[in-house]
PDB file of N, CA and C in Angstrom:
ATOM      1  N   MET A   1       0.819  -1.191   0.000  1.00  0.00           N
ATOM      2  CA  MET A   1       0.000   0.000   0.000  1.00  0.00           C
ATOM      3  C   MET A   1       0.865   1.257   0.000  1.00  0.00           C
ATOM      4  N   LYS A   2       1.909   1.270   0.844  1.00  0.00           N
ATOM      5  CA  LYS A   2       2.780   2.438   0.940  1.00  0.00           C
ATOM      6  C   LYS A   2       3.428   2.743  -0.409  1.00  0.00           C
ATOM      7  N   LYS A   3       3.890   1.700  -1.112  1.00  0.00           N
ATOM      8  CA  LYS A   3       4.522   1.909  -2.414  1.00  0.00           C
ATOM      9  C   LYS A   3       3.536   2.508  -3.406  1.00  0.00           C
ATOM     10  N   HIS A   4       2.285   2.056  -3.358  1.00  0.00           N
ATOM     11  CA  HIS A   4       1.291   2.573  -4.293  1.00  0.00           C
ATOM     12  C   HIS A   4       1.005   4.047  -4.028  1.00  0.00           C
ATOM     13  N   ILE A   5       0.976   4.434  -2.763  1.00  0.00           N
ATOM     14  CA  ILE A   5       0.758   5.840  -2.418  1.00  0.00           C
ATOM     15  C   ILE A   5       1.927   6.682  -2.906  1.00  0.00           C
ATOM     16  N   ILE A   6       3.142   6.212  -2.673  1.00  0.00           N
ATOM     17  CA  ILE A   6       4.328   6.944  -3.115  1.00  0.00           C
ATOM     18  C   ILE A   6       4.349   7.036  -4.634  1.00  0.00           C
ATOM     19  N   THR A   7       4.002   5.946  -5.298  1.00  0.00           N
ATOM     20  CA  THR A   7       3.974   5.945  -6.756  1.00  0.00           C
ATOM     21  C   THR A   7       2.948   6.953  -7.266  1.00  0.00           C
ATOM     22  N   ALA A   8       1.784   7.001  -6.639  1.00  0.00           N
ATOM     23  CA  ALA A   8       0.760   7.968  -7.036  1.00  0.00           C
ATOM     24  C   ALA A   8       1.248   9.393  -6.803  1.00  0.00           C
ATOM     25  N   LEU A   9       1.920   9.621  -5.687  1.00  0.00           N
ATOM     26  CA  LEU A   9       2.466  10.950  -5.406  1.00  0.00           C
ATOM     27  C   LEU A   9       3.489  11.359  -6.450  1.00  0.00           C
ATOM     28  N   LEU A  10       4.275  10.410  -6.893  1.00  0.00           N
ATOM     29  CA  LEU A  10       5.296  10.697  -7.892  1.00  0.00           C
ATOM     30  C   LEU A  10       4.665  11.273  -9.152  1.00  0.00           C
ATOM     31  N   ILE A  11       3.534  10.744  -9.533  1.00  0.00           N
ATOM     32  CA  ILE A  11       2.847  11.236 -10.726  1.00  0.00           C
ATOM     33  C   ILE A  11       2.117  12.547 -10.443  1.00  0.00           C
ATOM     34  N   THR A  12       1.410  12.636  -9.314  1.00  0.00           N
ATOM     35  CA  THR A  12       0.551  13.792  -9.068  1.00  0.00           C
ATOM     36  C   THR A  12       1.275  15.028  -8.573  1.00  0.00           C
ATOM     37  N   THR A  13       2.477  14.878  -8.018  1.00  0.00           N
ATOM     38  CA  THR A  13       3.180  16.052  -7.496  1.00  0.00           C
ATOM     39  C   THR A  13       4.180  16.634  -8.476  1.00  0.00           C
ATOM     40  N   THR A  14       4.270  16.065  -9.629  1.00  0.00           N
ATOM     41  CA  THR A  14       5.263  16.503 -10.594  1.00  0.00           C
ATOM     42  C   THR A  14       4.606  17.370 -11.661  1.00  0.00           C
ATOM     43  N   SER A  15       5.250  18.482 -11.972  1.00  0.00           N
ATOM     44  CA  SER A  15       4.703  19.386 -12.985  1.00  0.00           C
ATOM     45  C   SER A  15       4.804  18.762 -14.372  1.00  0.00           C
ATOM     46  N   ALA A  16       3.948  19.212 -15.266  1.00  0.00           N
ATOM     47  CA  ALA A  16       3.958  18.695 -16.630  1.00  0.00           C
ATOM     48  C   ALA A  16       5.300  18.914 -17.324  1.00  0.00           C
ATOM     49  N   PRO A  17       5.937  20.103 -17.185  1.00  0.00           N
ATOM     50  CA  PRO A  17       7.239  20.281 -17.836  1.00  0.00           C
ATOM     51  C   PRO A  17       8.310  19.328 -17.295  1.00  0.00           C
ATOM     52  N   ALA A  18       8.264  19.058 -15.988  1.00  0.00           N
ATOM     53  CA  ALA A  18       9.250  18.141 -15.412  1.00  0.00           C
ATOM     54  C   ALA A  18       9.031  16.732 -15.938  1.00  0.00           C
ATOM     55  N   LEU A  19       7.770  16.322 -16.039  1.00  0.00           N
ATOM     56  CA  LEU A  19       7.485  14.996 -16.589  1.00  0.00           C
ATOM     57  C   LEU A  19       7.906  14.916 -18.052  1.00  0.00           C
ATOM     58  N   ALA A  20       7.703  16.009 -18.788  1.00  0.00           N
ATOM     59  CA  ALA A  20       8.060  16.018 -20.203  1.00  0.00           C
ATOM     60  C   ALA A  20       9.563  15.906 -20.401  1.00  0.00           C
ATOM     61  N   ALA A  21      10.332  16.395 -19.436  1.00  0.00           N
ATOM     62  CA  ALA A  21      11.787  16.338 -19.541  1.00  0.00           C
ATOM     63  C   ALA A  21      12.317  14.929 -19.300  1.00  0.00           C
ATOM     64  N   TYR A  22      11.545  14.111 -18.620  1.00  0.00           N
ATOM     65  CA  TYR A  22      11.950  12.737 -18.348  1.00  0.00           C
ATOM     66  C   TYR A  22      11.589  11.900 -19.567  1.00  0.00           C
ATOM     67  N   PRO A  23      12.261  10.765 -19.787  1.00  0.00           N
ATOM     68  CA  PRO A  23      11.894   9.934 -20.947  1.00  0.00           C
ATOM     69  C   PRO A  23      10.391   9.657 -20.988  1.00  0.00           C
ATOM     70  N   ALA A  24       9.898   9.352 -22.147  1.00  0.00           N
ATOM     71  CA  ALA A  24       8.462   9.179 -22.355  1.00  0.00           C
ATOM     72  C   ALA A  24       7.851   8.077 -21.496  1.00  0.00           C
ATOM     73  N   SER A  25       8.672   7.304 -20.825  1.00  0.00           N
ATOM     74  CA  SER A  25       8.166   6.239 -19.966  1.00  0.00           C
ATOM     75  C   SER A  25       7.463   6.811 -18.750  1.00  0.00           C
ATOM     76  N   GLN A  26       6.840   5.967 -17.997  1.00  0.00           N
ATOM     77  CA  GLN A  26       6.174   6.372 -16.768  1.00  0.00           C
ATOM     78  C   GLN A  26       7.221   6.561 -15.673  1.00  0.00           C
ATOM     79  N   PRO A  27       7.389   7.778 -15.143  1.00  0.00           N
ATOM     80  CA  PRO A  27       8.397   8.016 -14.109  1.00  0.00           C
ATOM     81  C   PRO A  27       8.210   7.162 -12.861  1.00  0.00           C
ATOM     82  N   ALA A  28       6.978   6.929 -12.472  1.00  0.00           N
ATOM     83  CA  ALA A  28       6.739   6.106 -11.281  1.00  0.00           C
ATOM     84  C   ALA A  28       7.206   4.677 -11.513  1.00  0.00           C
ATOM     85  N   GLN A  29       6.998   4.182 -12.710  1.00  0.00           N
ATOM     86  CA  GLN A  29       7.436   2.823 -13.017  1.00  0.00           C
ATOM     87  C   GLN A  29       8.957   2.760 -13.096  1.00  0.00           C
ATOM     88  N   ALA A  30       9.580   3.800 -13.612  1.00  0.00           N
ATOM     89  CA  ALA A  30      11.041   3.839 -13.643  1.00  0.00           C
ATOM     90  C   ALA A  30      11.592   3.817 -12.222  1.00  0.00           C
ATOM     91  N   ALA A  31      10.967   4.582 -11.335  1.00  0.00           N
ATOM     92  CA  ALA A  31      11.400   4.593  -9.934  1.00  0.00           C
ATOM     93  C   ALA A  31      11.233   3.217  -9.313  1.00  0.00           C
ATOM     94  N   GLU A  32      10.146   2.542  -9.632  1.00  0.00           N
ATOM     95  CA  GLU A  32       9.901   1.205  -9.081  1.00  0.00           C
ATOM     96  C   GLU A  32      10.957   0.212  -9.572  1.00  0.00           C
ATOM     97  N   VAL A  33      11.326   0.301 -10.847  1.00  0.00           N
ATOM     98  CA  VAL A  33      12.382  -0.568 -11.378  1.00  0.00           C
ATOM     99  C   VAL A  33      13.692  -0.286 -10.649  1.00  0.00           C
ATOM    100  N   MET A  34      13.987   0.986 -10.427  1.00  0.00           N
ATOM    101  CA  MET A  34      15.215   1.352  -9.713  1.00  0.00           C
ATOM    102  C   MET A  34      15.222   0.771  -8.306  1.00  0.00           C
ATOM    103  N   VAL A  35      14.098   0.881  -7.608  1.00  0.00           N
ATOM    104  CA  VAL A  35      14.009   0.357  -6.242  1.00  0.00           C
ATOM    105  C   VAL A  35      14.191  -1.153  -6.247  1.00  0.00           C
ATOM    106  N   ARG A  36      13.556  -1.832  -7.176  1.00  0.00           N
ATOM    107  CA  ARG A  36      13.672  -3.297  -7.230  1.00  0.00           C
ATOM    108  C   ARG A  36      15.108  -3.736  -7.497  1.00  0.00           C
ATOM    109  N   MET A  37      15.791  -3.046  -8.388  1.00  0.00           N
ATOM    110  CA  MET A  37      17.196  -3.401  -8.656  1.00  0.00           C
ATOM    111  C   MET A  37      18.062  -3.114  -7.441  1.00  0.00           C
ATOM    112  N   CYS A  38      17.822  -2.017  -6.790  1.00  0.00           N
ATOM    113  CA  CYS A  38      18.559  -1.664  -5.581  1.00  0.00           C
ATOM    114  C   CYS A  38      18.377  -2.757  -4.528  1.00  0.00           C
ATOM    115  N   GLN A  39      17.140  -3.201  -4.347  1.00  0.00           N
ATOM    116  CA  GLN A  39      16.862  -4.245  -3.361  1.00  0.00           C
ATOM    117  C   GLN A  39      17.585  -5.542  -3.709  1.00  0.00           C
ATOM    118  N   GLN A  40      17.620  -5.881  -4.979  1.00  0.00           N
ATOM    119  CA  GLN A  40      18.316  -7.108  -5.391  1.00  0.00           C
ATOM    120  C   GLN A  40      19.812  -6.998  -5.111  1.00  0.00           C
ATOM    121  N   GLN A  41      20.389  -5.820  -5.363  1.00  0.00           N
ATOM    122  CA  GLN A  41      21.814  -5.631  -5.111  1.00  0.00           C
ATOM    123  C   GLN A  41      22.110  -5.772  -3.628  1.00  0.00           C
ATOM    124  N   HIS A  42      21.234  -5.223  -2.787  1.00  0.00           N
ATOM    125  CA  HIS A  42      21.433  -5.306  -1.340  1.00  0.00           C
ATOM    126  C   HIS A  42      21.357  -6.745  -0.829  1.00  0.00           C
ATOM    127  N   THR A  43      20.648  -7.619  -1.546  1.00  0.00           N
ATOM    128  CA  THR A  43      20.567  -9.020  -1.114  1.00  0.00           C
ATOM    129  C   THR A  43      21.805  -9.806  -1.512  1.00  0.00           C
ATOM    130  N   GLY A  44      22.646  -9.203  -2.343  1.00  0.00           N
ATOM    131  CA  GLY A  44      23.862  -9.885  -2.777  1.00  0.00           C
ATOM    132  C   GLY A  44      23.684 -10.691  -4.050  1.00  0.00           C
ATOM    133  N   MET A  45      22.562 -10.532  -4.710  1.00  0.00           N
ATOM    134  CA  MET A  45      22.301 -11.268  -5.941  1.00  0.00           C
ATOM    135  C   MET A  45      23.232 -10.790  -7.053  1.00  0.00           C
ATOM    136  N   ASP A  46      23.625 -11.693  -7.916  1.00  0.00           N
ATOM    137  CA  ASP A  46      24.420 -11.380  -9.098  1.00  0.00           C
ATOM    138  C   ASP A  46      23.627 -10.408  -9.974  1.00  0.00           C
ATOM    139  N   LYS A  47      24.312  -9.433 -10.564  1.00  0.00           N
ATOM    140  CA  LYS A  47      23.621  -8.403 -11.348  1.00  0.00           C
ATOM    141  C   LYS A  47      22.828  -8.995 -12.510  1.00  0.00           C
ATOM    142  N   ASN A  48      23.385  -9.964 -13.224  1.00  0.00           N
ATOM    143  CA  ASN A  48      22.663 -10.551 -14.356  1.00  0.00           C
ATOM    144  C   ASN A  48      21.395 -11.273 -13.910  1.00  0.00           C
ATOM    145  N   LYS A  49      21.463 -11.974 -12.779  1.00  0.00           N
ATOM    146  CA  LYS A  49      20.263 -12.638 -12.248  1.00  0.00           C
ATOM    147  C   LYS A  49      19.239 -11.599 -11.810  1.00  0.00           C
ATOM    148  N   ALA A  50      19.720 -10.515 -11.210  1.00  0.00           N
ATOM    149  CA  ALA A  50      18.817  -9.448 -10.772  1.00  0.00           C
ATOM    150  C   ALA A  50      18.122  -8.817 -11.969  1.00  0.00           C
ATOM    151  N   ILE A  51      18.866  -8.573 -13.026  1.00  0.00           N
ATOM    152  CA  ILE A  51      18.287  -7.992 -14.242  1.00  0.00           C
ATOM    153  C   ILE A  51      17.172  -8.890 -14.767  1.00  0.00           C
ATOM    154  N   SER A  52      17.453 -10.181 -14.849  1.00  0.00           N
ATOM    155  CA  SER A  52      16.461 -11.129 -15.345  1.00  0.00           C
ATOM    156  C   SER A  52      15.224 -11.156 -14.455  1.00  0.00           C
ATOM    157  N   LYS A  53      15.435 -11.199 -13.157  1.00  0.00           N
ATOM    158  CA  LYS A  53      14.319 -11.260 -12.209  1.00  0.00           C
ATOM    159  C   LYS A  53      13.456 -10.002 -12.282  1.00  0.00           C
ATOM    160  N   VAL A  54      14.092  -8.844 -12.271  1.00  0.00           N
ATOM    161  CA  VAL A  54      13.334  -7.592 -12.304  1.00  0.00           C
ATOM    162  C   VAL A  54      12.655  -7.420 -13.658  1.00  0.00           C
ATOM    163  N   TYR A  55      13.351  -7.706 -14.741  1.00  0.00           N
ATOM    164  CA  TYR A  55      12.748  -7.532 -16.062  1.00  0.00           C
ATOM    165  C   TYR A  55      11.525  -8.425 -16.240  1.00  0.00           C
ATOM    166  N   ASP A  56      11.599  -9.655 -15.723  1.00  0.00           N
ATOM    167  CA  ASP A  56      10.452 -10.562 -15.821  1.00  0.00           C
ATOM    168  C   ASP A  56       9.209  -9.984 -15.155  1.00  0.00           C
ATOM    169  N   THR A  57       9.393  -9.222 -14.091  1.00  0.00           N
ATOM    170  CA  THR A  57       8.232  -8.664 -13.384  1.00  0.00           C
ATOM    171  C   THR A  57       7.698  -7.394 -14.032  1.00  0.00           C
ATOM    172  N   VAL A  58       8.497  -6.709 -14.836  1.00  0.00           N
ATOM    173  CA  VAL A  58       8.053  -5.431 -15.408  1.00  0.00           C
ATOM    174  C   VAL A  58       7.904  -5.457 -16.923  1.00  0.00           C
ATOM    175  N   SER A  59       8.117  -6.593 -17.549  1.00  0.00           N
ATOM    176  CA  SER A  59       8.137  -6.639 -19.014  1.00  0.00           C
ATOM    177  C   SER A  59       6.809  -6.257 -19.659  1.00  0.00           C
ATOM    178  N   ASP A  60       5.713  -6.344 -18.921  1.00  0.00           N
ATOM    179  CA  ASP A  60       4.426  -5.964 -19.505  1.00  0.00           C
ATOM    180  C   ASP A  60       3.969  -4.568 -19.086  1.00  0.00           C
ATOM    181  N   TRP A  61       4.808  -3.838 -18.370  1.00  0.00           N
ATOM    182  CA  TRP A  61       4.474  -2.466 -17.976  1.00  0.00           C
ATOM    183  C   TRP A  61       4.678  -1.536 -19.172  1.00  0.00           C
ATOM    184  N   PRO A  62       3.989  -0.386 -19.194  1.00  0.00           N
ATOM    185  CA  PRO A  62       4.190   0.568 -20.291  1.00  0.00           C
ATOM    186  C   PRO A  62       5.631   1.063 -20.433  1.00  0.00           C
ATOM    187  N   ILE A  63       6.403   1.045 -19.341  1.00  0.00           N
ATOM    188  CA  ILE A  63       7.798   1.492 -19.415  1.00  0.00           C
ATOM    189  C   ILE A  63       8.666   0.529 -20.219  1.00  0.00           C
ATOM    190  N   ALA A  64       8.148  -0.629 -20.525  1.00  0.00           N
ATOM    191  CA  ALA A  64       8.970  -1.735 -20.982  1.00  0.00           C
ATOM    192  C   ALA A  64       9.674  -1.553 -22.321  1.00  0.00           C
ATOM    193  N   SER A  65      10.145  -0.367 -22.621  1.00  0.00           N
ATOM    194  CA  SER A  65      11.084  -0.230 -23.725  1.00  0.00           C
ATOM    195  C   SER A  65      12.414  -0.700 -23.159  1.00  0.00           C
ATOM    196  N   THR A  66      13.119  -1.487 -23.900  1.00  0.00           N
ATOM    197  CA  THR A  66      14.362  -2.079 -23.411  1.00  0.00           C
ATOM    198  C   THR A  66      15.341  -1.023 -22.926  1.00  0.00           C
ATOM    199  N   THR A  67      15.486   0.056 -23.656  1.00  0.00           N
ATOM    200  CA  THR A  67      16.433   1.109 -23.287  1.00  0.00           C
ATOM    201  C   THR A  67      16.054   1.767 -21.970  1.00  0.00           C
ATOM    202  N   GLU A  68      14.781   2.081 -21.800  1.00  0.00           N
ATOM    203  CA  GLU A  68      14.335   2.752 -20.583  1.00  0.00           C
ATOM    204  C   GLU A  68      14.425   1.844 -19.365  1.00  0.00           C
ATOM    205  N   VAL A  69      14.065   0.582 -19.533  1.00  0.00           N
ATOM    206  CA  VAL A  69      14.168  -0.369 -18.425  1.00  0.00           C
ATOM    207  C   VAL A  69      15.631  -0.556 -18.050  1.00  0.00           C
ATOM    208  N   ALA A  70      16.492  -0.705 -19.052  1.00  0.00           N
ATOM    209  CA  ALA A  70      17.926  -0.895 -18.782  1.00  0.00           C
ATOM    210  C   ALA A  70      18.508   0.310 -18.051  1.00  0.00           C
ATOM    211  N   ALA A  71      18.111   1.503 -18.452  1.00  0.00           N
ATOM    212  CA  ALA A  71      18.611   2.709 -17.787  1.00  0.00           C
ATOM    213  C   ALA A  71      18.159   2.751 -16.332  1.00  0.00           C
ATOM    214  N   ALA A  72      16.893   2.439 -16.084  1.00  0.00           N
ATOM    215  CA  ALA A  72      16.378   2.433 -14.709  1.00  0.00           C
ATOM    216  C   ALA A  72      17.065   1.353 -13.882  1.00  0.00           C
ATOM    217  N   MET A  73      17.320   0.199 -14.487  1.00  0.00           N
ATOM    218  CA  MET A  73      18.011  -0.881 -13.777  1.00  0.00           C
ATOM    219  C   MET A  73      19.421  -0.457 -13.388  1.00  0.00           C
ATOM    220  N   ASP A  74      20.126   0.133 -14.326  1.00  0.00           N
ATOM    221  CA  ASP A  74      21.492   0.590 -14.037  1.00  0.00           C
ATOM    222  C   ASP A  74      21.509   1.645 -12.942  1.00  0.00           C
ATOM    223  N   GLU A  75      20.559   2.567 -12.989  1.00  0.00           N
ATOM    224  CA  GLU A  75      20.489   3.610 -11.962  1.00  0.00           C
ATOM    225  C   GLU A  75      20.215   3.013 -10.584  1.00  0.00           C
ATOM    226  N   GLY A  76      19.290   2.068 -10.524  1.00  0.00           N
ATOM    227  CA  GLY A  76      18.971   1.433  -9.244  1.00  0.00           C
ATOM    228  C   GLY A  76      20.143   0.653  -8.687  1.00  0.00           C
ATOM    229  N   TRP A  77      20.842  -0.074  -9.561  1.00  0.00           N
ATOM    230  CA  TRP A  77      22.011  -0.850  -9.140  1.00  0.00           C
ATOM    231  C   TRP A  77      23.117   0.086  -8.666  1.00  0.00           C
ATOM    232  N   SER A  78      23.366   1.134  -9.425  1.00  0.00           N
ATOM    233  CA  SER A  78      24.406   2.105  -9.061  1.00  0.00           C
ATOM    234  C   SER A  78      24.089   2.788  -7.740  1.00  0.00           C
ATOM    235  N   PHE A  79      22.820   3.122  -7.533  1.00  0.00           N
ATOM    236  CA  PHE A  79      22.411   3.742  -6.271  1.00  0.00           C
ATOM    237  C   PHE A  79      22.759   2.821  -5.101  1.00  0.00           C
ATOM    238  N   ALA A  80      22.466   1.537  -5.250  1.00  0.00           N
ATOM    239  CA  ALA A  80      22.740   0.573  -4.175  1.00  0.00           C
ATOM    240  C   ALA A  80      24.236   0.438  -3.913  1.00  0.00           C
ATOM    241  N   VAL A  81      25.032   0.413  -4.975  1.00  0.00           N
ATOM    242  CA  VAL A  81      26.485   0.281  -4.830  1.00  0.00           C
ATOM    243  C   VAL A  81      27.065   1.525  -4.160  1.00  0.00           C
ATOM    244  N   GLN A  82      26.593   2.691  -4.557  1.00  0.00           N
ATOM    245  CA  GLN A  82      27.116   3.948  -4.021  1.00  0.00           C
ATOM    246  C   GLN A  82      26.589   4.275  -2.629  1.00  0.00           C
ATOM    247  N   ASN A  83      25.472   3.679  -2.246  1.00  0.00           N
ATOM    248  CA  ASN A  83      24.835   3.967  -0.953  1.00  0.00           C
ATOM    249  C   ASN A  83      24.499   2.665  -0.233  1.00  0.00           C
ATOM    250  N   PRO A  84      25.506   1.886   0.150  1.00  0.00           N
ATOM    251  CA  PRO A  84      25.250   0.551   0.704  1.00  0.00           C
ATOM    252  C   PRO A  84      24.409   0.526   1.977  1.00  0.00           C
ATOM    253  N   GLY A  85      24.432   1.562   2.767  1.00  0.00           N
ATOM    254  CA  GLY A  85      23.666   1.562   4.006  1.00  0.00           C
ATOM    255  C   GLY A  85      22.311   2.225   3.900  1.00  0.00           C
ATOM    256  N   MET A  86      21.997   2.785   2.741  1.00  0.00           N
ATOM    257  CA  MET A  86      20.759   3.546   2.583  1.00  0.00           C
ATOM    258  C   MET A  86      19.634   2.638   2.090  1.00  0.00           C
ATOM    259  N   LYS A  87      18.444   2.860   2.610  1.00  0.00           N
ATOM    260  CA  LYS A  87      17.287   2.080   2.176  1.00  0.00           C
ATOM    261  C   LYS A  87      16.934   2.453   0.735  1.00  0.00           C
ATOM    262  N   CYS A  88      16.589   1.440  -0.029  1.00  0.00           N
ATOM    263  CA  CYS A  88      16.268   1.643  -1.438  1.00  0.00           C
ATOM    264  C   CYS A  88      15.053   2.545  -1.642  1.00  0.00           C
ATOM    265  N   GLU A  89      14.155   2.579  -0.675  1.00  0.00           N
ATOM    266  CA  GLU A  89      12.956   3.399  -0.793  1.00  0.00           C
ATOM    267  C   GLU A  89      13.276   4.893  -0.859  1.00  0.00           C
ATOM    268  N   LYS A  90      14.498   5.285  -0.511  1.00  0.00           N
ATOM    269  CA  LYS A  90      14.913   6.689  -0.623  1.00  0.00           C
ATOM    270  C   LYS A  90      14.899   7.148  -2.080  1.00  0.00           C
ATOM    271  N   ILE A  91      14.866   6.198  -3.001  1.00  0.00           N
ATOM    272  CA  ILE A  91      14.822   6.542  -4.424  1.00  0.00           C
ATOM    273  C   ILE A  91      13.542   7.313  -4.745  1.00  0.00           C
ATOM    274  N   TYR A  92      12.416   6.955  -4.118  1.00  0.00           N
ATOM    275  CA  TYR A  92      11.147   7.617  -4.437  1.00  0.00           C
ATOM    276  C   TYR A  92      11.206   9.127  -4.218  1.00  0.00           C
ATOM    277  N   PRO A  93      11.544   9.599  -2.996  1.00  0.00           N
ATOM    278  CA  PRO A  93      11.580  11.065  -2.823  1.00  0.00           C
ATOM    279  C   PRO A  93      12.670  11.731  -3.654  1.00  0.00           C
ATOM    280  N   MET A  94      13.780  11.032  -3.888  1.00  0.00           N
ATOM    281  CA  MET A  94      14.844  11.599  -4.721  1.00  0.00           C
ATOM    282  C   MET A  94      14.350  11.772  -6.156  1.00  0.00           C
ATOM    283  N   MET A  95      13.578  10.802  -6.642  1.00  0.00           N
ATOM    284  CA  MET A  95      13.040  10.875  -7.996  1.00  0.00           C
ATOM    285  C   MET A  95      12.018  12.008  -8.089  1.00  0.00           C
ATOM    286  N   ILE A  96      11.192  12.165  -7.062  1.00  0.00           N
ATOM    287  CA  ILE A  96      10.221  13.262  -7.049  1.00  0.00           C
ATOM    288  C   ILE A  96      10.953  14.595  -7.125  1.00  0.00           C
ATOM    289  N   ASP A  97      12.005  14.746  -6.319  1.00  0.00           N
ATOM    290  CA  ASP A  97      12.786  15.987  -6.339  1.00  0.00           C
ATOM    291  C   ASP A  97      13.419  16.221  -7.706  1.00  0.00           C
ATOM    292  N   MET A  98      13.959  15.157  -8.304  1.00  0.00           N
ATOM    293  CA  MET A  98      14.592  15.290  -9.612  1.00  0.00           C
ATOM    294  C   MET A  98      13.569  15.743 -10.657  1.00  0.00           C
ATOM    295  N   LEU A  99      12.411  15.128 -10.639  1.00  0.00           N
ATOM    296  CA  LEU A  99      11.384  15.483 -11.618  1.00  0.00           C
ATOM    297  C   LEU A  99      10.846  16.890 -11.395  1.00  0.00           C
ATOM    298  N   ALA A 100      10.883  17.335 -10.149  1.00  0.00           N
ATOM    299  CA  ALA A 100      10.416  18.683  -9.824  1.00  0.00           C
ATOM    300  C   ALA A 100      11.504  19.730 -10.053  1.00  0.00           C
ATOM    301  N   GLY A 101      12.700  19.278 -10.414  1.00  0.00           N
ATOM    302  CA  GLY A 101      13.787  20.202 -10.705  1.00  0.00           C
ATOM    303  C   GLY A 101      14.584  20.642  -9.508  1.00  0.00           C
ATOM    304  N   LYS A 102      14.456  19.940  -8.379  1.00  0.00           N
ATOM    305  CA  LYS A 102      15.214  20.295  -7.181  1.00  0.00           C
ATOM    306  C   LYS A 102      16.540  19.556  -7.179  1.00  0.00           C
ATOM    307  N   LYS A 103      17.529  20.163  -6.542  1.00  0.00           N
ATOM    308  CA  LYS A 103      18.831  19.519  -6.403  1.00  0.00           C
ATOM    309  C   LYS A 103      18.896  18.846  -5.049  1.00  0.00           C
ATOM    310  N   ASN A 104      19.590  17.693  -4.986  1.00  0.00           N
ATOM    311  CA  ASN A 104      19.746  16.970  -3.714  1.00  0.00           C
ATOM    312  C   ASN A 104      20.648  17.708  -2.778  1.00  0.00           C
TER     313      ASN A 104
END
């Protein structure tokens, strides 16, 4: 439930110009892919297995252009590597700020 509320906020709190600046994919779905990859990295799963597992769950989502999914996966994995002690859910508010044009 919490993820769905955050995902809805991601869409409703972002201005149209900020959404237009992001790839044509759904920003909330991109954030969800990033979080899922981050979580897989934190479990110690091999990156290729994580990619396969996450892609299998999102392949029918509107974001499912290979390039956009791959970019979100790489971002989520990189976030986990660069922030080993940080909870993956921090991606949601960071993504909202990015889409709104705020700097971290």
